[in-house]
Amino acid sequence: QVQLQESGPGLVKPSQALSLTCTVSGGSITSSYTGWSWIRQPPGKGLEWMGVIHYDGNTYYSPSLKSRTSISRDTSKNQFSLQLSSVTPEDTAVYYCAEVAVNIMDIICWGKGTLVTVSS
C-alpha cells in the first residue's frame, strides 16, 4: 500500500539543475531494508536507473550520472529528492520515483512519473 508521488518543475533550462521530490505515503523511507530510487525514461528509449537512497541514508548512483546526481531525503517529511545538475535536452524524460529492494534492485512499486522537459 505504499504510494509515491513525484513533484517538481516540468520545464528546466539547459545548464541549470533539475530538482524533483518524491513524497511517500503508506510506508516509511526509514523502514528496514527499503530503498528509494529515481528512474527515468527519455522519449523513445528504455528505463534508466539513476540512483537510490537506502533506509540507512546510504546512496548509490549510476556510474554514468554519478557526477551530476544527488539524492537526498527529509525523514521528517517522508520525502526523498533528486537533483541533476548541468542538464541538457538529452535529460528530457519522464522521471519516476520508486521503492526498490535493497541488494536486489528490483522495483517493488513506483509513482506514475512526471515529465521534465529541458528546453530554452
N, C-alpha and C. Protein backbone atom coordinates (compact mmCIF):
# COMPACT_ATOMS: atom_id res chain seq x y z
N GLN A 1 0.80 -1.21 0.00
CA GLN A 1 0.00 0.00 0.00
C GLN A 1 0.84 1.27 0.00
N VAL A 2 2.11 1.11 -0.27
CA VAL A 2 2.97 2.28 -0.42
C VAL A 2 2.59 3.03 -1.69
N GLN A 3 2.50 4.32 -1.58
CA GLN A 3 2.22 5.17 -2.72
C GLN A 3 3.30 6.25 -2.82
N LEU A 4 3.67 6.57 -4.04
CA LEU A 4 4.70 7.55 -4.28
C LEU A 4 4.20 8.58 -5.27
N GLN A 5 4.60 9.81 -5.06
CA GLN A 5 4.17 10.88 -5.94
C GLN A 5 5.33 11.82 -6.22
N GLU A 6 5.64 11.99 -7.49
CA GLU A 6 6.69 12.90 -7.91
C GLU A 6 6.14 14.32 -8.02
N SER A 7 6.98 15.28 -7.72
CA SER A 7 6.59 16.67 -7.89
C SER A 7 7.82 17.50 -8.20
N GLY A 8 7.59 18.60 -8.91
CA GLY A 8 8.66 19.49 -9.27
C GLY A 8 8.36 20.18 -10.59
N PRO A 9 9.22 21.07 -11.00
CA PRO A 9 9.01 21.80 -12.25
C PRO A 9 9.00 20.88 -13.46
N GLY A 10 8.14 21.20 -14.41
CA GLY A 10 8.09 20.42 -15.63
C GLY A 10 8.99 20.94 -16.73
N LEU A 11 9.57 22.09 -16.53
CA LEU A 11 10.44 22.69 -17.53
C LEU A 11 11.69 23.24 -16.85
N VAL A 12 12.84 22.87 -17.37
CA VAL A 12 14.12 23.31 -16.85
C VAL A 12 14.97 23.80 -18.00
N LYS A 13 15.68 24.87 -17.78
CA LYS A 13 16.54 25.42 -18.82
C LYS A 13 17.87 24.68 -18.88
N PRO A 14 18.44 24.56 -20.08
CA PRO A 14 19.76 23.92 -20.19
C PRO A 14 20.79 24.59 -19.31
N SER A 15 21.67 23.78 -18.78
CA SER A 15 22.76 24.15 -17.88
C SER A 15 22.32 24.35 -16.44
N GLN A 16 21.02 24.38 -16.20
CA GLN A 16 20.53 24.54 -14.84
C GLN A 16 20.35 23.18 -14.17
N ALA A 17 19.86 23.19 -12.96
CA ALA A 17 19.68 21.97 -12.20
C ALA A 17 18.22 21.54 -12.20
N LEU A 18 18.03 20.25 -12.35
CA LEU A 18 16.71 19.64 -12.27
C LEU A 18 16.50 19.17 -10.85
N SER A 19 15.39 19.53 -10.25
CA SER A 19 15.08 19.13 -8.89
C SER A 19 13.68 18.55 -8.81
N LEU A 20 13.59 17.37 -8.24
CA LEU A 20 12.31 16.69 -8.06
C LEU A 20 12.22 16.14 -6.65
N THR A 21 11.00 16.02 -6.18
CA THR A 21 10.75 15.47 -4.86
C THR A 21 9.75 14.33 -4.97
N CYS A 22 9.99 13.29 -4.21
CA CYS A 22 9.07 12.17 -4.14
C CYS A 22 8.49 12.10 -2.73
N THR A 23 7.19 12.17 -2.66
CA THR A 23 6.50 12.05 -1.38
C THR A 23 5.98 10.64 -1.22
N VAL A 24 6.33 10.01 -0.12
CA VAL A 24 5.97 8.62 0.13
C VAL A 24 4.88 8.57 1.19
N SER A 25 3.86 7.80 0.92
CA SER A 25 2.80 7.56 1.89
C SER A 25 2.55 6.07 2.00
N GLY A 26 2.03 5.65 3.14
CA GLY A 26 1.76 4.25 3.35
C GLY A 26 2.96 3.43 3.76
N GLY A 27 4.08 4.07 3.94
CA GLY A 27 5.31 3.41 4.35
C GLY A 27 6.34 4.44 4.69
N SER A 28 7.38 4.03 5.36
CA SER A 28 8.43 4.93 5.81
C SER A 28 9.71 4.71 5.02
N ILE A 29 10.35 5.80 4.64
CA ILE A 29 11.60 5.68 3.91
C ILE A 29 12.75 5.23 4.80
N THR A 30 12.49 5.12 6.08
CA THR A 30 13.49 4.59 7.01
C THR A 30 13.20 3.17 7.45
N SER A 31 12.16 2.56 6.90
CA SER A 31 11.86 1.16 7.23
C SER A 31 13.01 0.26 6.79
N SER A 32 13.33 -0.70 7.62
CA SER A 32 14.46 -1.58 7.37
C SER A 32 14.38 -2.25 6.00
N TYR A 33 15.53 -2.25 5.31
CA TYR A 33 15.72 -2.95 4.05
C TYR A 33 15.03 -2.31 2.86
N THR A 34 14.50 -1.11 3.02
CA THR A 34 13.89 -0.42 1.89
C THR A 34 14.90 0.46 1.18
N GLY A 35 14.68 0.62 -0.12
CA GLY A 35 15.47 1.53 -0.93
C GLY A 35 14.54 2.40 -1.73
N TRP A 36 15.01 3.60 -2.02
CA TRP A 36 14.15 4.58 -2.69
C TRP A 36 14.92 5.17 -3.86
N SER A 37 14.42 4.90 -5.05
CA SER A 37 15.19 5.16 -6.27
C SER A 37 14.54 6.20 -7.17
N TRP A 38 15.38 6.73 -8.03
CA TRP A 38 14.93 7.55 -9.15
C TRP A 38 15.28 6.82 -10.44
N ILE A 39 14.30 6.76 -11.32
CA ILE A 39 14.41 6.10 -12.61
C ILE A 39 13.83 7.03 -13.66
N ARG A 40 14.41 7.05 -14.83
CA ARG A 40 13.87 7.92 -15.87
C ARG A 40 13.75 7.19 -17.20
N GLN A 41 12.91 7.74 -18.07
CA GLN A 41 12.72 7.19 -19.40
C GLN A 41 12.65 8.31 -20.41
N PRO A 42 13.72 8.52 -21.17
CA PRO A 42 13.67 9.52 -22.24
C PRO A 42 12.69 9.09 -23.33
N PRO A 43 12.18 10.04 -24.09
CA PRO A 43 11.24 9.69 -25.16
C PRO A 43 11.83 8.67 -26.12
N GLY A 44 11.09 7.61 -26.36
CA GLY A 44 11.52 6.59 -27.30
C GLY A 44 12.62 5.68 -26.81
N LYS A 45 13.01 5.79 -25.55
CA LYS A 45 14.08 4.98 -25.01
C LYS A 45 13.61 4.18 -23.80
N GLY A 46 14.48 3.34 -23.33
CA GLY A 46 14.16 2.49 -22.20
C GLY A 46 14.36 3.16 -20.86
N LEU A 47 14.02 2.43 -19.83
CA LEU A 47 14.18 2.93 -18.47
C LEU A 47 15.66 2.99 -18.09
N GLU A 48 16.02 4.02 -17.36
CA GLU A 48 17.38 4.20 -16.90
C GLU A 48 17.37 4.43 -15.40
N TRP A 49 18.02 3.53 -14.68
CA TRP A 49 18.16 3.69 -13.25
C TRP A 49 19.18 4.78 -12.95
N MET A 50 18.82 5.70 -12.08
CA MET A 50 19.68 6.83 -11.78
C MET A 50 20.42 6.68 -10.45
N GLY A 51 19.72 6.24 -9.46
CA GLY A 51 20.34 6.10 -8.15
C GLY A 51 19.34 5.69 -7.10
N VAL A 52 19.84 5.51 -5.89
CA VAL A 52 18.99 5.05 -4.80
C VAL A 52 19.51 5.60 -3.48
N ILE A 53 18.61 5.82 -2.56
CA ILE A 53 18.97 6.10 -1.19
C ILE A 53 18.33 5.02 -0.32
N HIS A 54 19.15 4.36 0.48
CA HIS A 54 18.66 3.28 1.32
C HIS A 54 18.09 3.82 2.62
N TYR A 55 17.43 2.94 3.32
CA TYR A 55 16.77 3.29 4.58
C TYR A 55 17.74 3.87 5.61
N ASP A 56 19.02 3.50 5.50
CA ASP A 56 20.02 3.98 6.44
C ASP A 56 20.70 5.27 5.97
N GLY A 57 20.28 5.79 4.82
CA GLY A 57 20.83 7.02 4.30
C GLY A 57 21.94 6.86 3.29
N ASN A 58 22.43 5.65 3.10
CA ASN A 58 23.47 5.43 2.11
C ASN A 58 22.93 5.62 0.70
N THR A 59 23.74 6.22 -0.14
CA THR A 59 23.35 6.48 -1.52
C THR A 59 24.25 5.77 -2.51
N TYR A 60 23.68 5.44 -3.65
CA TYR A 60 24.40 4.79 -4.73
C TYR A 60 23.86 5.34 -6.04
N TYR A 61 24.77 5.54 -7.01
CA TYR A 61 24.39 6.19 -8.24
C TYR A 61 24.84 5.41 -9.46
N SER A 62 24.12 5.61 -10.56
CA SER A 62 24.56 5.08 -11.84
C SER A 62 25.91 5.71 -12.19
N PRO A 63 26.88 4.91 -12.60
CA PRO A 63 28.18 5.48 -12.95
C PRO A 63 28.12 6.59 -13.99
N SER A 64 27.20 6.47 -14.93
CA SER A 64 27.11 7.46 -16.00
C SER A 64 26.53 8.79 -15.53
N LEU A 65 25.89 8.80 -14.40
CA LEU A 65 25.24 10.01 -13.89
C LEU A 65 25.79 10.47 -12.55
N LYS A 66 26.70 9.73 -11.99
CA LYS A 66 27.17 9.99 -10.64
C LYS A 66 27.67 11.41 -10.44
N SER A 67 28.39 11.92 -11.42
CA SER A 67 29.00 13.24 -11.27
C SER A 67 27.98 14.36 -11.25
N ARG A 68 26.78 14.11 -11.73
CA ARG A 68 25.76 15.14 -11.81
C ARG A 68 24.57 14.91 -10.89
N THR A 69 24.54 13.80 -10.20
CA THR A 69 23.34 13.37 -9.49
C THR A 69 23.53 13.42 -7.97
N SER A 70 22.51 13.88 -7.31
CA SER A 70 22.49 13.85 -5.85
C SER A 70 21.09 13.47 -5.38
N ILE A 71 21.02 12.47 -4.54
CA ILE A 71 19.76 12.05 -3.93
C ILE A 71 19.84 12.31 -2.44
N SER A 72 18.84 12.94 -1.92
CA SER A 72 18.80 13.26 -0.51
C SER A 72 17.43 12.92 0.05
N ARG A 73 17.27 13.08 1.36
CA ARG A 73 15.99 12.77 1.96
C ARG A 73 15.68 13.70 3.11
N ASP A 74 14.41 13.79 3.39
CA ASP A 74 13.92 14.51 4.55
C ASP A 74 13.02 13.53 5.30
N THR A 75 13.56 12.91 6.31
CA THR A 75 12.81 11.87 7.01
C THR A 75 11.60 12.43 7.76
N SER A 76 11.68 13.68 8.18
CA SER A 76 10.55 14.27 8.89
C SER A 76 9.34 14.44 7.99
N LYS A 77 9.58 14.57 6.69
CA LYS A 77 8.51 14.71 5.72
C LYS A 77 8.25 13.43 4.93
N ASN A 78 9.05 12.41 5.19
CA ASN A 78 8.95 11.15 4.46
C ASN A 78 9.08 11.39 2.96
N GLN A 79 10.09 12.17 2.61
CA GLN A 79 10.33 12.52 1.23
C GLN A 79 11.78 12.26 0.86
N PHE A 80 12.01 11.98 -0.40
CA PHE A 80 13.37 11.97 -0.91
C PHE A 80 13.39 12.73 -2.24
N SER A 81 14.55 13.27 -2.56
CA SER A 81 14.64 14.21 -3.66
C SER A 81 15.77 13.85 -4.62
N LEU A 82 15.63 14.38 -5.81
CA LEU A 82 16.64 14.21 -6.86
C LEU A 82 17.10 15.57 -7.33
N GLN A 83 18.40 15.71 -7.45
CA GLN A 83 18.98 16.88 -8.10
C GLN A 83 19.92 16.42 -9.19
N LEU A 84 19.71 16.91 -10.38
CA LEU A 84 20.54 16.60 -11.53
C LEU A 84 21.06 17.91 -12.08
N SER A 85 22.33 18.10 -12.03
CA SER A 85 22.93 19.37 -12.42
C SER A 85 23.31 19.38 -13.90
N SER A 86 23.56 20.59 -14.40
CA SER A 86 24.07 20.79 -15.76
C SER A 86 23.27 20.04 -16.81
N VAL A 87 21.98 20.21 -16.78
CA VAL A 87 21.12 19.43 -17.67
C VAL A 87 21.21 19.92 -19.11
N THR A 88 20.94 19.01 -20.01
CA THR A 88 20.87 19.27 -21.43
C THR A 88 19.54 18.72 -21.95
N PRO A 89 19.19 19.01 -23.20
CA PRO A 89 17.96 18.42 -23.74
C PRO A 89 17.92 16.90 -23.69
N GLU A 90 19.08 16.26 -23.62
CA GLU A 90 19.13 14.81 -23.52
C GLU A 90 18.60 14.30 -22.18
N ASP A 91 18.46 15.19 -21.23
CA ASP A 91 17.90 14.83 -19.93
C ASP A 91 16.38 14.91 -19.90
N THR A 92 15.78 15.33 -20.98
CA THR A 92 14.32 15.32 -21.08
C THR A 92 13.82 13.90 -20.94
N ALA A 93 12.91 13.68 -20.02
CA ALA A 93 12.43 12.33 -19.76
C ALA A 93 11.26 12.37 -18.80
N VAL A 94 10.59 11.23 -18.71
CA VAL A 94 9.65 11.02 -17.62
C VAL A 94 10.45 10.48 -16.45
N TYR A 95 10.35 11.13 -15.33
CA TYR A 95 11.10 10.75 -14.14
C TYR A 95 10.17 10.07 -13.14
N TYR A 96 10.61 8.93 -12.67
CA TYR A 96 9.85 8.14 -11.71
C TYR A 96 10.62 8.00 -10.40
N CYS A 97 9.90 8.04 -9.31
CA CYS A 97 10.47 7.57 -8.06
C CYS A 97 9.87 6.21 -7.75
N ALA A 98 10.64 5.39 -7.06
CA ALA A 98 10.22 4.02 -6.85
C ALA A 98 10.79 3.46 -5.56
N GLU A 99 10.04 2.55 -4.98
CA GLU A 99 10.55 1.74 -3.89
C GLU A 99 11.22 0.51 -4.50
N VAL A 100 12.42 0.21 -4.05
CA VAL A 100 13.16 -0.94 -4.56
C VAL A 100 13.64 -1.80 -3.41
N ALA A 101 13.96 -3.02 -3.75
CA ALA A 101 14.51 -3.94 -2.76
C ALA A 101 16.02 -3.76 -2.69
N VAL A 102 16.53 -3.56 -1.50
CA VAL A 102 17.97 -3.40 -1.34
C VAL A 102 18.68 -4.69 -1.71
N ASN A 103 19.85 -4.54 -2.29
CA ASN A 103 20.71 -5.65 -2.71
C ASN A 103 20.15 -6.47 -3.87
N ILE A 104 18.98 -6.15 -4.33
CA ILE A 104 18.38 -6.83 -5.48
C ILE A 104 18.10 -5.84 -6.60
N MET A 105 17.66 -4.65 -6.24
CA MET A 105 17.43 -3.54 -7.14
C MET A 105 16.19 -3.70 -8.02
N ASP A 106 15.34 -4.65 -7.71
CA ASP A 106 14.09 -4.76 -8.45
C ASP A 106 13.05 -3.81 -7.87
N ILE A 107 12.18 -3.34 -8.73
CA ILE A 107 11.18 -2.36 -8.33
C ILE A 107 10.03 -3.03 -7.62
N ILE A 108 9.69 -2.51 -6.45
CA ILE A 108 8.54 -3.01 -5.71
C ILE A 108 7.29 -2.24 -6.12
N CYS A 109 7.38 -0.94 -6.14
CA CYS A 109 6.29 -0.11 -6.62
C CYS A 109 6.88 1.23 -7.02
N TRP A 110 6.12 1.97 -7.81
CA TRP A 110 6.62 3.26 -8.24
C TRP A 110 5.49 4.23 -8.51
N GLY A 111 5.84 5.49 -8.64
CA GLY A 111 4.87 6.51 -8.95
C GLY A 111 4.51 6.51 -10.41
N LYS A 112 3.60 7.37 -10.77
CA LYS A 112 3.15 7.42 -12.16
C LYS A 112 4.09 8.21 -13.05
N GLY A 113 5.02 8.91 -12.47
CA GLY A 113 6.03 9.64 -13.22
C GLY A 113 5.64 11.08 -13.50
N THR A 114 6.64 11.87 -13.77
CA THR A 114 6.42 13.26 -14.16
C THR A 114 7.36 13.61 -15.30
N LEU A 115 6.84 14.26 -16.30
CA LEU A 115 7.64 14.66 -17.45
C LEU A 115 8.41 15.92 -17.14
N VAL A 116 9.70 15.88 -17.36
CA VAL A 116 10.55 17.06 -17.24
C VAL A 116 11.17 17.34 -18.60
N THR A 117 10.94 18.52 -19.09
CA THR A 117 11.48 18.93 -20.38
C THR A 117 12.60 19.93 -20.16
N VAL A 118 13.72 19.67 -20.79
CA VAL A 118 14.85 20.59 -20.74
C VAL A 118 14.88 21.35 -22.05
N SER A 119 14.59 22.62 -21.97
CA SER A 119 14.49 23.44 -23.17
C SER A 119 14.57 24.91 -22.81
N SER A 120 15.05 25.69 -23.76
CA SER A 120 15.05 27.14 -23.59
C SER A 120 13.71 27.73 -23.96
